[in-house]
Amino acid sequence: MDALETCRKYAAEEGIDKVVDDNKLDAIVAPSNAPTWMIDLVSGDCGSGYVGTSSMAAVAGYPNSTVPAGFVKELPLGISFFGKAWTEATLIKLAYSFEQATKARRAPKYLPTYS
């Protein structure tokens, strides 16, 4: 089995499909990313080391919807809704409902500096 097939198998059939089926879920909901880090003009970006939840859906070739979930120190956090193949309609309904309930979306703005 080549690397691409192996990755797809463990992300799709043995990953998302298995979790959704075993737990009778409509979708998996998880943070999209870690809090955004500040740009360090001296040392460069540090990152958080957190890979994010969209990677598994992307490897599987499955749908993923990300919407704003909140802010940490004025920096955005997202939440992802992902599931099995061909579940886009369900994911869009869930993501939209979350957006309407939380009203977490804010108009973008440029911050001069923030510490």
C-alpha atoms as a PDB file:
ATOM      1  CA  MET A   1       0.000   0.000   0.000  1.00  0.00           C
ATOM      2  CA  ASP A   2       1.481   3.375  -0.901  1.00  0.00           C
ATOM      3  CA  ALA A   3       1.679   6.321   1.513  1.00  0.00           C
ATOM      4  CA  LEU A   4      -1.293   8.182   0.024  1.00  0.00           C
ATOM      5  CA  GLU A   5      -3.575   5.131   0.273  1.00  0.00           C
ATOM      6  CA  THR A   6      -2.423   4.476   3.838  1.00  0.00           C
ATOM      7  CA  CYS A   7      -3.086   8.064   4.903  1.00  0.00           C
ATOM      8  CA  ARG A   8      -6.534   8.082   3.304  1.00  0.00           C
ATOM      9  CA  LYS A   9      -7.437   4.729   4.893  1.00  0.00           C
ATOM     10  CA  TYR A  10      -6.552   5.879   8.415  1.00  0.00           C
ATOM     11  CA  ALA A  11      -8.067   9.350   8.013  1.00  0.00           C
ATOM     12  CA  ALA A  12     -11.279   8.130   6.328  1.00  0.00           C
ATOM     13  CA  GLU A  13     -12.366   4.520   6.987  1.00  0.00           C
ATOM     14  CA  GLU A  14     -10.390   3.918  10.190  1.00  0.00           C
ATOM     15  CA  GLY A  15     -10.665   7.534  11.367  1.00  0.00           C
ATOM     16  CA  ILE A  16     -13.626   9.778  10.662  1.00  0.00           C
ATOM     17  CA  ASP A  17     -15.965   7.045   9.368  1.00  0.00           C
ATOM     18  CA  LYS A  18     -15.258   4.804  12.345  1.00  0.00           C
ATOM     19  CA  VAL A  19     -15.737   7.550  14.950  1.00  0.00           C
ATOM     20  CA  VAL A  20     -18.961   8.797  13.337  1.00  0.00           C
ATOM     21  CA  ASP A  21     -20.420   5.289  12.906  1.00  0.00           C
ATOM     22  CA  ASP A  22     -19.338   3.900  16.298  1.00  0.00           C
ATOM     23  CA  ASN A  23     -20.785   6.898  18.130  1.00  0.00           C
ATOM     24  CA  LYS A  24     -23.822   7.491  15.883  1.00  0.00           C
ATOM     25  CA  LEU A  25     -22.765  11.090  15.187  1.00  0.00           C
ATOM     26  CA  ASP A  26     -23.911  13.562  12.556  1.00  0.00           C
ATOM     27  CA  ALA A  27     -20.539  15.328  12.659  1.00  0.00           C
ATOM     28  CA  ILE A  28     -17.354  15.806  14.632  1.00  0.00           C
ATOM     29  CA  VAL A  29     -16.880  19.241  16.181  1.00  0.00           C
ATOM     30  CA  ALA A  30     -13.481  20.444  17.356  1.00  0.00           C
ATOM     31  CA  PRO A  31     -11.335  23.581  17.572  1.00  0.00           C
ATOM     32  CA  SER A  32     -10.026  24.485  14.105  1.00  0.00           C
ATOM     33  CA  ASN A  33      -6.766  25.833  15.414  1.00  0.00           C
ATOM     34  CA  ALA A  34      -4.912  26.954  18.498  1.00  0.00           C
ATOM     35  CA  PRO A  35      -5.069  30.622  19.423  1.00  0.00           C
ATOM     36  CA  THR A  36      -3.211  32.741  16.899  1.00  0.00           C
ATOM     37  CA  TRP A  37       0.230  33.814  18.045  1.00  0.00           C
ATOM     38  CA  MET A  38       1.701  37.277  17.927  1.00  0.00           C
ATOM     39  CA  ILE A  39       4.235  38.077  15.216  1.00  0.00           C
ATOM     40  CA  ASP A  40       7.732  38.330  16.679  1.00  0.00           C
ATOM     41  CA  LEU A  41       9.693  40.786  14.536  1.00  0.00           C
ATOM     42  CA  VAL A  42      12.989  39.677  16.117  1.00  0.00           C
ATOM     43  CA  SER A  43      12.763  35.886  16.369  1.00  0.00           C
ATOM     44  CA  GLY A  44      10.067  35.162  13.789  1.00  0.00           C
ATOM     45  CA  ASP A  45       6.818  33.266  14.184  1.00  0.00           C
ATOM     46  CA  CYS A  46       6.760  30.731  16.963  1.00  0.00           C
ATOM     47  CA  GLY A  47       3.484  28.931  16.289  1.00  0.00           C
ATOM     48  CA  SER A  48       1.799  26.751  18.832  1.00  0.00           C
ATOM     49  CA  GLY A  49       2.646  23.284  17.559  1.00  0.00           C
ATOM     50  CA  TYR A  50      -1.071  22.505  17.255  1.00  0.00           C
ATOM     51  CA  VAL A  51      -1.814  20.940  13.862  1.00  0.00           C
ATOM     52  CA  GLY A  52      -5.526  21.674  13.733  1.00  0.00           C
ATOM     53  CA  THR A  53      -8.521  19.521  12.985  1.00  0.00           C
ATOM     54  CA  SER A  54      -8.924  20.327   9.309  1.00  0.00           C
ATOM     55  CA  SER A  55      -5.903  18.180   8.410  1.00  0.00           C
ATOM     56  CA  MET A  56      -7.669  14.848   8.945  1.00  0.00           C
ATOM     57  CA  ALA A  57     -10.697  15.869   6.876  1.00  0.00           C
ATOM     58  CA  ALA A  58      -8.398  17.163   4.130  1.00  0.00           C
ATOM     59  CA  VAL A  59      -6.380  13.940   3.999  1.00  0.00           C
ATOM     60  CA  ALA A  60      -9.590  11.901   3.886  1.00  0.00           C
ATOM     61  CA  GLY A  61     -10.990  14.161   1.162  1.00  0.00           C
ATOM     62  CA  TYR A  62     -13.986  14.895   3.386  1.00  0.00           C
ATOM     63  CA  PRO A  63     -15.910  18.134   3.936  1.00  0.00           C
ATOM     64  CA  ASN A  64     -14.978  20.554   6.701  1.00  0.00           C
ATOM     65  CA  SER A  65     -16.724  23.788   7.636  1.00  0.00           C
ATOM     66  CA  THR A  66     -14.974  26.301   9.881  1.00  0.00           C
ATOM     67  CA  VAL A  67     -16.692  29.270  11.498  1.00  0.00           C
ATOM     68  CA  PRO A  68     -15.656  31.863  14.099  1.00  0.00           C
ATOM     69  CA  ALA A  69     -15.974  30.639  17.674  1.00  0.00           C
ATOM     70  CA  GLY A  70     -14.505  33.471  19.709  1.00  0.00           C
ATOM     71  CA  PHE A  71     -11.408  35.487  20.422  1.00  0.00           C
ATOM     72  CA  VAL A  72      -8.364  35.380  22.676  1.00  0.00           C
ATOM     73  CA  LYS A  73      -6.782  38.822  23.176  1.00  0.00           C
ATOM     74  CA  GLU A  74      -8.595  40.092  20.068  1.00  0.00           C
ATOM     75  CA  LEU A  75      -7.200  37.217  17.971  1.00  0.00           C
ATOM     76  CA  PRO A  76      -9.693  34.801  16.365  1.00  0.00           C
ATOM     77  CA  LEU A  77     -10.470  31.190  17.188  1.00  0.00           C
ATOM     78  CA  GLY A  78     -12.387  28.916  14.844  1.00  0.00           C
ATOM     79  CA  ILE A  79     -14.463  25.797  15.316  1.00  0.00           C
ATOM     80  CA  SER A  80     -14.645  23.033  12.700  1.00  0.00           C
ATOM     81  CA  PHE A  81     -17.549  20.803  11.773  1.00  0.00           C
ATOM     82  CA  PHE A  82     -16.445  17.782   9.742  1.00  0.00           C
ATOM     83  CA  GLY A  83     -17.842  14.393   8.887  1.00  0.00           C
ATOM     84  CA  LYS A  84     -18.076  11.581   6.404  1.00  0.00           C
ATOM     85  CA  ALA A  85     -18.133  11.962   2.633  1.00  0.00           C
ATOM     86  CA  TRP A  86     -21.226  13.625   1.178  1.00  0.00           C
ATOM     87  CA  THR A  87     -22.370  15.211   4.470  1.00  0.00           C
ATOM     88  CA  GLU A  88     -21.940  18.807   3.323  1.00  0.00           C
ATOM     89  CA  ALA A  89     -25.615  19.724   3.794  1.00  0.00           C
ATOM     90  CA  THR A  90     -25.575  18.575   7.424  1.00  0.00           C
ATOM     91  CA  LEU A  91     -22.275  20.320   8.152  1.00  0.00           C
ATOM     92  CA  ILE A  92     -23.487  23.593   6.659  1.00  0.00           C
ATOM     93  CA  LYS A  93     -26.687  23.434   8.747  1.00  0.00           C
ATOM     94  CA  LEU A  94     -24.692  22.777  11.927  1.00  0.00           C
ATOM     95  CA  ALA A  95     -22.104  25.481  11.228  1.00  0.00           C
ATOM     96  CA  TYR A  96     -24.798  28.020  10.349  1.00  0.00           C
ATOM     97  CA  SER A  97     -26.780  27.187  13.502  1.00  0.00           C
ATOM     98  CA  PHE A  98     -23.637  27.615  15.609  1.00  0.00           C
ATOM     99  CA  GLU A  99     -22.916  30.983  13.968  1.00  0.00           C
ATOM    100  CA  GLN A 100     -26.463  32.209  14.576  1.00  0.00           C
ATOM    101  CA  ALA A 101     -26.475  31.044  18.208  1.00  0.00           C
ATOM    102  CA  THR A 102     -23.079  32.462  19.174  1.00  0.00           C
ATOM    103  CA  LYS A 103     -22.814  35.621  17.034  1.00  0.00           C
ATOM    104  CA  ALA A 104     -19.023  35.188  17.356  1.00  0.00           C
ATOM    105  CA  ARG A 105     -18.256  36.698  13.936  1.00  0.00           C
ATOM    106  CA  ARG A 106     -16.745  40.195  14.027  1.00  0.00           C
ATOM    107  CA  ALA A 107     -15.782  42.488  11.207  1.00  0.00           C
ATOM    108  CA  PRO A 108     -12.035  42.252  10.564  1.00  0.00           C
ATOM    109  CA  LYS A 109      -9.850  45.036  11.886  1.00  0.00           C
ATOM    110  CA  TYR A 110      -6.187  45.817  11.820  1.00  0.00           C
ATOM    111  CA  LEU A 111      -4.621  46.146  15.248  1.00  0.00           C
ATOM    112  CA  PRO A 112      -1.605  48.471  15.394  1.00  0.00           C
ATOM    113  CA  THR A 113       0.087  46.252  17.984  1.00  0.00           C
ATOM    114  CA  TYR A 114      -1.219  44.122  20.767  1.00  0.00           C
ATOM    115  CA  SER A 115       0.610  42.740  23.772  1.00  0.00           C
END
